[in-house]
Amino acid sequence: MKVLLVFAGISETGFNKTKERLRLVWINHGLASIASSTKKRGHDVSLIDLRQLASWDDFADEVKRISPDVAGITMMSVDYEPVMKSIEMIKNIDKNIKVVIGGPHPNLALEEVVTNANIDHVVLGEGEITFTNLLKEIEEGKNPERVIKGIGPDLDNLPFVDRDIFGAGEMPIDHFLRIPFITIIAGRGCKYNCSFCQPAERSIFGSNVRRRSTDNVIEELKLLRRRLDFQSLMMHDDCLTEDKKWVLEFCDKYRKEGFRQPFVCQSRADIICKNEDMVNAMAQAGLVMFMIGFESGNQRILNLLRKGTKVEHNYRANQICGRYGIRVWANYMLGIPTEAKEEVLDTLKMIKKIRPYRASPAFYTPYPGSDLYRYCKENDLSLIKDHKDYSRSPYSPKIKGIDYVFLNEVLKESMKIPISVKVRRKIDHIIERKIKKHIRKFLRHLQPVYEM
């Protein structure tokens, strides 16, 4: 069958109106994995990435050119509108094209999605096995259920994701990381219970974390080294470091296989504090930056978020990272329900003291499927007017009762924190070393003159 996959993630990026060749921020691993699994079953697979098109007219032209039997579209909450427009245009071109929807939003707001009669099937959970089984039933002329619960695959049995289908390289998360840059995912799920996220994620991946074997991940990296000669990477798991045994095994194999490429991953402050030996091993293997969800500098707010950490963990984790030369990308939220101005200032105080390599603030956004979202709905706090407001970027008010003028001032203040003393000393040391080198060279040049 001819299968078209669609990534409609233009809510924040918009179309590529200049039609220049793009270096994408990241590929969508869900679609890339489904593409490789679908190709393995013998289907002809194409992808339309709206980020690389100039307009909706381009989208229509591509759909007509591909002329698919089935269109599979992933839907995040923030991209609800462009997904729905994509569906409408596909059906207007050919009503016989079967439209299959998957991704986070159908799992979290199924009742909203199924109201669209142009959607033929909805796959909940993971799609590699279920989507390909659905294609077989459609091909055989059967009448599959409209809403289908996905089967969670053994991750080691899946073919590696099809990166080529996106037709562009990935952009490093920061300028110090060299290209070619890649992102990989080693596992699915999260065992923690943060109220701003759970139980939404468990509804997609289940209650347990499933991780690929270290050998499987290393094998993919060896393949990518041969094919792309990648120079840096990000391991994009929700919390790679929650399994210490896995991490230590991976770091050992990464080094033994001759990898020297620096990498970035996400962690938690409490894990870093309790596992300094693991942090050291990761730094030795090539870890150059941790992305850490500090969230708040106030303990009451951390408890409200069910973060499971203490404020002192945030400070200590930053110190430990500095000890091993690991940069800190600090994620934190402002405008959390019930948060007082004094509590917001505690977060600002924390960021000023930590002075991370990157400060990454966001206004709290009530995402569907989370317990904190339900609290906002029950207390009539949500200011979300349409789906694009689900962007975590601090562009617009998210909930009632929050002084966003004040928050914007705090946000600006938190973003202009000077670099840490340690970084400044390192820069001074480099400059001093260069000056001494030039002085020695100058004295060697003068020596013959003095000997005369």
Protein backbone atom coordinates (compact mmCIF):
# COMPACT_ATOMS: atom_id res chain seq x y z
CA MET A 1 0.00 0.00 0.00
CA LYS A 2 1.02 3.62 -0.45
CA VAL A 3 1.28 5.14 3.01
CA LEU A 4 1.66 8.86 3.68
CA LEU A 5 2.87 10.02 7.11
CA VAL A 6 2.29 13.65 8.07
CA PHE A 7 4.07 15.79 10.65
CA ALA A 8 2.03 18.95 11.13
CA GLY A 9 4.23 20.64 13.74
CA ILE A 10 4.06 24.21 12.44
CA SER A 11 2.23 25.89 15.33
CA GLU A 12 5.49 27.35 16.64
CA THR A 13 7.74 27.26 13.57
CA GLY A 14 5.33 28.19 10.79
CA PHE A 15 5.88 27.28 7.15
CA ASN A 16 9.26 27.50 5.41
CA LYS A 17 8.18 30.39 3.21
CA THR A 18 11.66 31.05 1.81
CA LYS A 19 11.82 27.45 0.51
CA GLU A 20 15.43 27.19 1.68
CA ARG A 21 16.84 23.82 2.68
CA LEU A 22 16.23 23.42 6.39
CA ARG A 23 18.22 21.98 9.22
CA LEU A 24 15.37 20.80 11.44
CA VAL A 25 15.36 21.25 15.18
CA TRP A 26 14.67 17.53 15.68
CA ILE A 27 13.05 14.69 13.82
CA ASN A 28 9.81 13.24 15.20
CA HIS A 29 10.93 9.86 16.54
CA GLY A 30 7.40 8.48 16.70
CA LEU A 31 6.80 8.94 12.97
CA ALA A 32 10.37 7.91 12.13
CA SER A 33 9.87 4.65 14.04
CA ILE A 34 6.49 3.96 12.43
CA ALA A 35 8.03 4.67 9.02
CA SER A 36 10.74 2.03 9.50
CA SER A 37 8.26 -0.54 10.86
CA THR A 38 5.84 0.12 8.00
CA LYS A 39 8.59 -0.19 5.38
CA LYS A 40 9.66 -3.46 6.97
CA ARG A 41 6.16 -4.80 6.22
CA GLY A 42 6.70 -4.00 2.54
CA HIS A 43 4.65 -0.80 2.21
CA ASP A 44 5.62 2.26 0.15
CA VAL A 45 6.09 5.04 2.73
CA SER A 46 6.35 8.81 2.18
CA LEU A 47 6.40 11.70 4.63
CA ILE A 48 5.20 15.28 4.45
CA ASP A 49 6.78 17.54 7.07
CA LEU A 50 4.84 20.81 7.05
CA ARG A 51 7.88 22.61 8.50
CA GLN A 52 9.61 22.14 5.14
CA LEU A 53 6.73 23.37 2.97
CA ALA A 54 6.06 26.94 1.91
CA SER A 55 2.25 26.89 2.19
CA TRP A 56 -0.93 24.81 2.34
CA ASP A 57 -0.95 24.85 -1.45
CA ASP A 58 2.35 22.96 -1.34
CA PHE A 59 0.75 20.44 1.00
CA ALA A 60 -2.13 19.84 -1.41
CA ASP A 61 0.30 19.41 -4.31
CA GLU A 62 2.32 16.85 -2.35
CA VAL A 63 -0.75 14.83 -1.35
CA LYS A 64 -1.88 14.73 -4.99
CA ARG A 65 1.59 13.70 -6.15
CA ILE A 66 1.90 10.88 -3.60
CA SER A 67 -1.73 9.76 -3.99
CA PRO A 68 -1.71 7.58 -0.86
CA ASP A 69 -4.08 4.81 0.17
CA VAL A 70 -3.64 5.66 3.86
CA ALA A 71 -2.50 8.82 5.67
CA GLY A 72 -1.09 8.50 9.21
CA ILE A 73 -0.86 11.74 11.19
CA THR A 74 0.61 12.35 14.64
CA MET A 75 -1.13 14.96 16.78
CA MET A 76 0.25 16.95 19.69
CA SER A 77 -2.15 19.23 21.55
CA VAL A 78 -0.44 22.40 20.31
CA ASP A 79 -0.76 21.24 16.68
CA TYR A 80 -4.46 20.34 16.79
CA GLU A 81 -5.51 23.03 14.27
CA PRO A 82 -2.93 22.26 11.53
CA VAL A 83 -3.63 18.53 11.93
CA MET A 84 -7.37 19.09 11.47
CA LYS A 85 -6.71 21.28 8.40
CA SER A 86 -4.43 18.57 6.98
CA ILE A 87 -7.20 16.00 7.42
CA GLU A 88 -9.77 18.24 5.75
CA MET A 89 -7.50 18.87 2.76
CA ILE A 90 -6.64 15.18 2.36
CA LYS A 91 -10.32 14.20 2.29
CA ASN A 92 -11.15 17.03 -0.14
CA ILE A 93 -8.47 15.71 -2.50
CA ASP A 94 -9.66 12.10 -2.21
CA LYS A 95 -12.33 10.98 0.23
CA ASN A 96 -11.19 7.36 -0.22
CA ILE A 97 -7.87 7.99 1.51
CA LYS A 98 -8.06 6.39 4.96
CA VAL A 99 -6.98 8.83 7.68
CA VAL A 100 -5.39 7.38 10.83
CA ILE A 101 -4.57 9.60 13.81
CA GLY A 102 -2.15 8.87 16.67
CA GLY A 103 0.10 10.73 19.08
CA PRO A 104 -0.33 12.40 22.48
CA HIS A 105 -3.51 14.43 21.97
CA PRO A 106 -5.83 11.57 20.90
CA ASN A 107 -4.71 9.69 24.02
CA LEU A 108 -5.44 12.65 26.28
CA ALA A 109 -8.55 14.13 24.61
CA LEU A 110 -10.12 11.28 22.64
CA GLU A 111 -13.62 12.68 23.00
CA GLU A 112 -12.54 15.83 21.14
CA VAL A 113 -10.73 14.01 18.35
CA VAL A 114 -13.46 11.48 17.48
CA THR A 115 -15.97 14.25 16.74
CA ASN A 116 -14.20 14.73 13.39
CA ALA A 117 -15.98 12.35 11.00
CA ASN A 118 -13.08 12.61 8.51
CA ILE A 119 -10.92 10.56 10.88
CA ASP A 120 -11.31 6.90 9.97
CA HIS A 121 -9.22 5.36 12.76
CA VAL A 122 -7.54 6.46 16.00
CA VAL A 123 -4.58 4.49 17.37
CA LEU A 124 -4.01 4.98 21.10
CA GLY A 125 -0.66 4.33 22.74
CA GLU A 126 2.23 3.10 20.62
CA GLY A 127 1.74 2.53 16.92
CA GLU A 128 4.51 0.42 15.38
CA ILE A 129 2.69 -2.91 15.72
CA THR A 130 -0.89 -1.67 15.71
CA PHE A 131 -0.60 0.69 12.72
CA THR A 132 0.99 -1.97 10.53
CA ASN A 133 -1.66 -4.50 11.62
CA LEU A 134 -4.32 -1.94 10.73
CA LEU A 135 -2.82 -1.51 7.26
CA LYS A 136 -3.07 -5.26 6.72
CA GLU A 137 -6.76 -5.27 7.67
CA ILE A 138 -7.48 -2.30 5.37
CA GLU A 139 -5.60 -3.99 2.54
CA GLU A 140 -7.65 -7.17 3.04
CA GLY A 141 -10.91 -5.21 2.87
CA LYS A 142 -11.83 -5.79 6.49
CA ASN A 143 -13.68 -3.27 8.67
CA PRO A 144 -11.36 -2.46 11.63
CA GLU A 145 -12.54 -0.73 14.81
CA ARG A 146 -12.44 3.04 14.70
CA VAL A 147 -10.53 3.40 18.02
CA ILE A 148 -7.76 0.86 18.51
CA LYS A 149 -5.59 0.38 21.60
CA GLY A 150 -1.94 0.16 20.59
CA ILE A 151 0.35 -2.72 21.53
CA GLY A 152 3.59 -1.78 23.29
CA PRO A 153 6.46 -3.37 21.31
CA ASP A 154 9.69 -4.91 22.56
CA LEU A 155 11.92 -1.95 21.72
CA ASP A 156 14.92 -4.11 20.80
CA ASN A 157 12.81 -5.85 18.16
CA LEU A 158 11.97 -2.63 16.34
CA PRO A 159 14.05 -1.55 13.34
CA PHE A 160 16.05 1.64 13.94
CA VAL A 161 14.12 4.83 13.22
CA ASP A 162 14.04 6.07 9.62
CA ARG A 163 15.81 9.44 9.84
CA ASP A 164 16.20 9.79 6.08
CA ILE A 165 12.45 10.20 5.62
CA PHE A 166 12.69 13.71 7.12
CA GLY A 167 15.21 14.72 4.47
CA ALA A 168 17.14 17.14 6.67
CA GLY A 169 19.74 17.19 9.42
CA GLU A 170 18.98 18.03 13.02
CA MET A 171 19.94 21.29 14.72
CA PRO A 172 22.08 21.10 17.90
CA ILE A 173 20.36 22.21 21.07
CA ASP A 174 23.23 24.64 21.69
CA HIS A 175 25.99 26.29 19.67
CA PHE A 176 28.87 24.45 21.36
CA LEU A 177 27.63 21.12 19.95
CA ARG A 178 29.03 20.39 16.49
CA ILE A 179 27.12 19.15 13.45
CA PRO A 180 26.17 16.62 12.24
CA PHE A 181 24.05 16.41 15.39
CA ILE A 182 21.58 13.62 16.13
CA THR A 183 18.90 12.81 18.68
CA ILE A 184 18.14 9.29 19.84
CA ILE A 185 15.66 7.79 22.30
CA ALA A 186 16.73 4.84 24.46
CA GLY A 187 13.45 4.19 26.26
CA ARG A 188 9.79 5.07 26.75
CA GLY A 189 7.90 6.14 29.82
CA CYS A 190 8.68 7.81 33.14
CA LYS A 191 8.39 6.34 36.63
CA TYR A 192 7.94 9.68 38.38
CA ASN A 193 4.62 11.23 39.31
CA CYS A 194 4.83 14.98 38.67
CA SER A 195 1.34 16.51 38.75
CA PHE A 196 1.98 18.68 35.66
CA CYS A 197 2.66 15.57 33.57
CA GLN A 198 1.08 12.44 35.04
CA PRO A 199 -0.99 10.39 34.55
CA ALA A 200 -0.91 11.61 30.92
CA GLU A 201 2.35 9.89 30.04
CA ARG A 202 1.33 6.62 31.70
CA SER A 203 -1.79 6.60 29.53
CA ILE A 204 0.47 6.43 26.46
CA PHE A 205 3.39 4.25 27.53
CA GLY A 206 2.07 2.40 30.58
CA SER A 207 3.21 2.52 34.19
CA ASN A 208 6.67 0.99 33.63
CA VAL A 209 9.67 2.39 31.83
CA ARG A 210 10.77 0.22 28.91
CA ARG A 211 14.29 0.74 27.69
CA ARG A 212 16.29 -0.60 24.78
CA SER A 213 19.34 -2.68 25.70
CA THR A 214 22.66 -0.84 25.78
CA ASP A 215 23.87 -3.11 22.95
CA ASN A 216 20.90 -2.05 20.80
CA VAL A 217 21.59 1.66 21.36
CA ILE A 218 25.32 1.25 20.74
CA GLU A 219 24.58 -0.64 17.52
CA GLU A 220 22.44 2.25 16.25
CA LEU A 221 25.15 4.75 17.17
CA LYS A 222 27.77 2.69 15.30
CA LEU A 223 25.51 2.69 12.25
CA LEU A 224 25.03 6.47 12.49
CA ARG A 225 28.76 7.00 12.92
CA ARG A 226 29.39 5.13 9.66
CA ARG A 227 26.58 6.81 7.75
CA LEU A 228 26.56 10.35 9.11
CA ASP A 229 29.84 10.74 11.01
CA PHE A 230 27.83 12.52 13.69
CA GLN A 231 29.79 14.88 15.95
CA SER A 232 27.39 15.32 18.88
CA LEU A 233 24.12 13.90 20.13
CA MET A 234 21.23 14.25 22.53
CA MET A 235 19.66 11.26 24.28
CA HIS A 236 16.09 12.48 24.38
CA ASP A 237 14.60 10.22 27.08
CA ASP A 238 12.40 11.86 29.73
CA CYS A 239 14.92 10.83 32.39
CA LEU A 240 17.79 8.71 31.10
CA THR A 241 19.52 8.60 34.49
CA GLU A 242 16.73 6.89 36.43
CA ASP A 243 18.35 3.51 35.71
CA LYS A 244 21.89 3.78 37.09
CA LYS A 245 22.92 0.26 36.05
CA TRP A 246 21.88 0.94 32.45
CA VAL A 247 23.72 4.27 32.37
CA LEU A 248 26.99 2.85 33.73
CA GLU A 249 26.84 -0.04 31.28
CA PHE A 250 26.15 2.34 28.39
CA CYS A 251 29.01 4.69 29.35
CA ASP A 252 31.45 1.77 29.53
CA LYS A 253 30.44 0.45 26.10
CA TYR A 254 30.34 3.95 24.58
CA ARG A 255 33.98 4.49 25.52
CA LYS A 256 35.12 0.99 24.55
CA GLU A 257 33.59 1.40 21.09
CA GLY A 258 35.73 4.48 20.58
CA PHE A 259 33.00 7.12 20.75
CA ARG A 260 34.31 10.56 21.67
CA GLN A 261 31.28 12.54 20.57
CA PRO A 262 29.89 14.76 23.35
CA PHE A 263 26.32 14.10 24.43
CA VAL A 264 23.47 15.76 26.30
CA CYS A 265 20.63 14.18 28.28
CA GLN A 266 17.91 14.96 30.81
CA SER A 267 18.14 14.19 34.51
CA ARG A 268 16.71 15.11 37.91
CA ALA A 269 18.38 17.05 40.72
CA ASP A 270 17.83 14.31 43.32
CA ILE A 271 19.30 11.61 41.07
CA ILE A 272 22.43 13.70 40.50
CA CYS A 273 22.82 14.30 44.26
CA LYS A 274 22.48 10.60 45.12
CA ASN A 275 24.68 9.25 42.31
CA GLU A 276 27.79 11.39 42.00
CA ASP A 277 29.80 8.35 40.88
CA MET A 278 27.41 7.94 37.94
CA VAL A 279 27.76 11.64 37.08
CA ASN A 280 31.54 11.22 37.04
CA ALA A 281 31.28 8.16 34.77
CA MET A 282 29.01 10.06 32.38
CA ALA A 283 31.39 13.01 32.26
CA GLN A 284 34.28 10.65 31.50
CA ALA A 285 32.25 9.12 28.66
CA GLY A 286 31.41 12.47 27.07
CA LEU A 287 28.45 14.05 28.87
CA VAL A 288 28.75 17.81 28.44
CA MET A 289 25.34 19.05 29.60
CA PHE A 290 22.47 17.95 31.82
CA MET A 291 18.99 19.32 31.19
CA ILE A 292 17.51 19.43 34.69
CA GLY A 293 13.90 20.15 35.66
CA PHE A 294 14.51 22.33 38.71
CA GLU A 295 10.92 23.67 38.28
CA SER A 296 10.89 25.90 41.40
CA GLY A 297 13.04 27.31 44.18
CA ASN A 298 10.20 26.99 46.69
CA GLN A 299 9.51 23.77 48.61
CA ARG A 300 5.73 24.20 48.84
CA ILE A 301 5.54 24.53 45.05
CA LEU A 302 7.80 21.51 44.52
CA ASN A 303 5.46 19.53 46.79
CA LEU A 304 2.42 20.81 44.89
CA LEU A 305 4.06 19.64 41.65
CA ARG A 306 4.76 16.22 43.27
CA LYS A 307 8.31 16.64 42.01
CA GLY A 308 9.77 14.45 44.74
CA THR A 309 12.78 16.74 45.18
CA LYS A 310 13.91 19.33 47.70
CA VAL A 311 15.16 22.84 46.99
CA GLU A 312 18.57 21.89 48.39
CA HIS A 313 18.77 19.14 45.74
CA ASN A 314 18.66 21.85 43.08
CA TYR A 315 21.60 23.71 44.60
CA ARG A 316 23.68 20.58 45.26
CA ALA A 317 23.04 19.11 41.82
CA ASN A 318 24.34 22.29 40.23
CA GLN A 319 27.48 22.14 42.38
CA ILE A 320 28.11 18.50 41.44
CA CYS A 321 27.75 19.30 37.73
CA GLY A 322 30.25 22.12 38.10
CA ARG A 323 32.68 19.76 39.81
CA TYR A 324 32.79 17.59 36.69
CA GLY A 325 32.64 20.35 34.09
CA ILE A 326 29.05 19.55 33.06
CA ARG A 327 26.96 22.44 31.80
CA VAL A 328 23.49 22.89 33.33
CA TRP A 329 20.41 23.67 31.24
CA ALA A 330 17.93 24.76 33.91
CA ASN A 331 14.23 24.18 33.22
CA TYR A 332 11.89 26.02 35.58
CA MET A 333 8.27 27.17 35.64
CA LEU A 334 6.61 30.42 36.63
CA GLY A 335 2.91 31.05 37.20
CA ILE A 336 2.01 27.74 38.84
CA PRO A 337 -1.54 27.55 40.30
CA THR A 338 -1.67 29.06 43.85
CA GLU A 339 1.93 30.33 43.50
CA ALA A 340 2.46 33.58 45.44
CA LYS A 341 4.82 36.33 44.29
CA GLU A 342 7.20 35.54 47.15
CA GLU A 343 7.40 31.95 45.91
CA VAL A 344 8.13 33.14 42.38
CA LEU A 345 10.96 35.25 43.80
CA ASP A 346 12.36 32.12 45.49
CA THR A 347 12.77 30.64 42.02
CA LEU A 348 14.47 33.81 40.77
CA LYS A 349 16.78 33.69 43.79
CA MET A 350 17.63 30.07 42.97
CA ILE A 351 18.47 30.85 39.34
CA LYS A 352 20.60 33.82 40.37
CA LYS A 353 22.55 31.65 42.78
CA ILE A 354 22.88 28.65 40.47
CA ARG A 355 23.75 30.75 37.41
CA PRO A 356 23.16 27.92 34.94
CA TYR A 357 24.75 27.70 31.52
CA ARG A 358 21.25 28.06 30.05
CA ALA A 359 18.16 29.38 31.81
CA SER A 360 15.02 27.90 30.24
CA PRO A 361 11.85 29.33 31.81
CA ALA A 362 8.26 28.56 30.89
CA PHE A 363 4.89 29.76 32.09
CA TYR A 364 3.00 26.84 33.58
CA THR A 365 0.63 25.46 30.93
CA PRO A 366 -2.26 23.13 31.88
CA TYR A 367 -1.77 20.15 29.55
CA PRO A 368 -4.70 17.75 29.04
CA GLY A 369 -4.43 14.47 30.91
CA SER A 370 -2.44 15.73 33.89
CA ASP A 371 -3.71 16.03 37.46
CA LEU A 372 -2.81 19.72 37.59
CA TYR A 373 -4.79 20.27 34.39
CA ARG A 374 -7.81 18.65 36.06
CA TYR A 375 -7.33 20.93 39.09
CA CYS A 376 -7.33 23.98 36.78
CA LYS A 377 -10.49 22.81 35.01
CA GLU A 378 -12.32 22.02 38.27
CA ASN A 379 -11.44 25.46 39.66
CA ASP A 380 -12.11 27.33 36.39
CA LEU A 381 -8.52 28.57 36.16
CA SER A 382 -7.61 27.78 32.54
CA LEU A 383 -7.20 30.66 30.08
CA ILE A 384 -6.42 28.35 27.14
CA LYS A 385 -8.58 29.64 24.27
CA ASP A 386 -7.30 27.47 21.44
CA HIS A 387 -4.82 24.67 21.01
CA LYS A 388 -1.85 26.82 20.02
CA ASP A 389 -1.94 28.23 23.58
CA TYR A 390 -0.61 24.84 24.73
CA SER A 391 2.85 26.03 23.71
CA ARG A 392 5.08 25.96 26.80
CA SER A 393 6.82 29.13 25.64
CA PRO A 394 5.96 32.15 27.80
CA TYR A 395 4.03 34.15 25.21
CA SER A 396 0.55 34.42 26.69
CA PRO A 397 -1.37 34.07 29.99
CA LYS A 398 -2.23 30.46 30.79
CA ILE A 399 -4.30 30.51 34.00
CA LYS A 400 -6.37 32.99 36.01
CA GLY A 401 -5.17 34.70 39.18
CA ILE A 402 -1.60 35.19 37.95
CA ASP A 403 0.07 38.59 37.53
CA TYR A 404 1.73 38.02 34.15
CA VAL A 405 3.19 41.53 34.06
CA PHE A 406 5.11 40.63 37.21
CA LEU A 407 6.02 37.22 35.79
CA ASN A 408 7.43 38.78 32.64
CA GLU A 409 9.68 41.00 34.71
CA VAL A 410 10.90 38.01 36.71
CA LEU A 411 11.40 36.04 33.53
CA LYS A 412 13.54 38.78 32.00
CA GLU A 413 15.56 39.11 35.20
CA SER A 414 16.16 35.36 35.35
CA MET A 415 17.37 35.30 31.74
CA LYS A 416 20.16 37.86 32.25
CA ILE A 417 22.01 36.04 35.01
CA PRO A 418 25.81 36.44 34.55
CA ILE A 419 27.99 33.42 33.87
CA SER A 420 29.27 31.54 36.90
CA VAL A 421 32.51 32.36 38.68
CA LYS A 422 33.93 28.97 37.64
CA VAL A 423 33.29 29.65 33.96
CA ARG A 424 34.77 33.14 34.29
CA ARG A 425 37.90 31.73 35.95
CA LYS A 426 38.26 29.18 33.15
CA ILE A 427 38.03 31.94 30.53
CA ASP A 428 40.55 34.06 32.47
CA HIS A 429 42.89 31.05 32.64
CA ILE A 430 42.73 30.54 28.88
CA ILE A 431 43.39 34.23 28.22
CA GLU A 432 46.28 34.27 30.72
CA ARG A 433 47.81 31.17 29.10
CA LYS A 434 47.62 32.78 25.65
CA ILE A 435 49.19 36.02 26.93
CA LYS A 436 52.08 34.10 28.55
CA LYS A 437 52.61 32.18 25.29
CA HIS A 438 52.91 35.44 23.34
CA ILE A 439 55.26 36.92 25.96
CA ARG A 440 57.57 33.87 25.76
CA LYS A 441 57.57 34.10 21.96
CA PHE A 442 58.40 37.82 22.18
CA LEU A 443 61.28 37.22 24.61
CA ARG A 444 62.74 34.48 22.39
CA HIS A 445 62.69 36.99 19.53
CA LEU A 446 64.56 39.57 21.65
CA GLN A 447 67.18 37.17 23.05
CA PRO A 448 69.70 37.51 20.13
CA VAL A 449 69.60 41.29 20.46
CA TYR A 450 70.53 41.10 24.17
CA GLU A 451 73.40 38.66 23.43
CA MET A 452 74.95 41.20 21.05
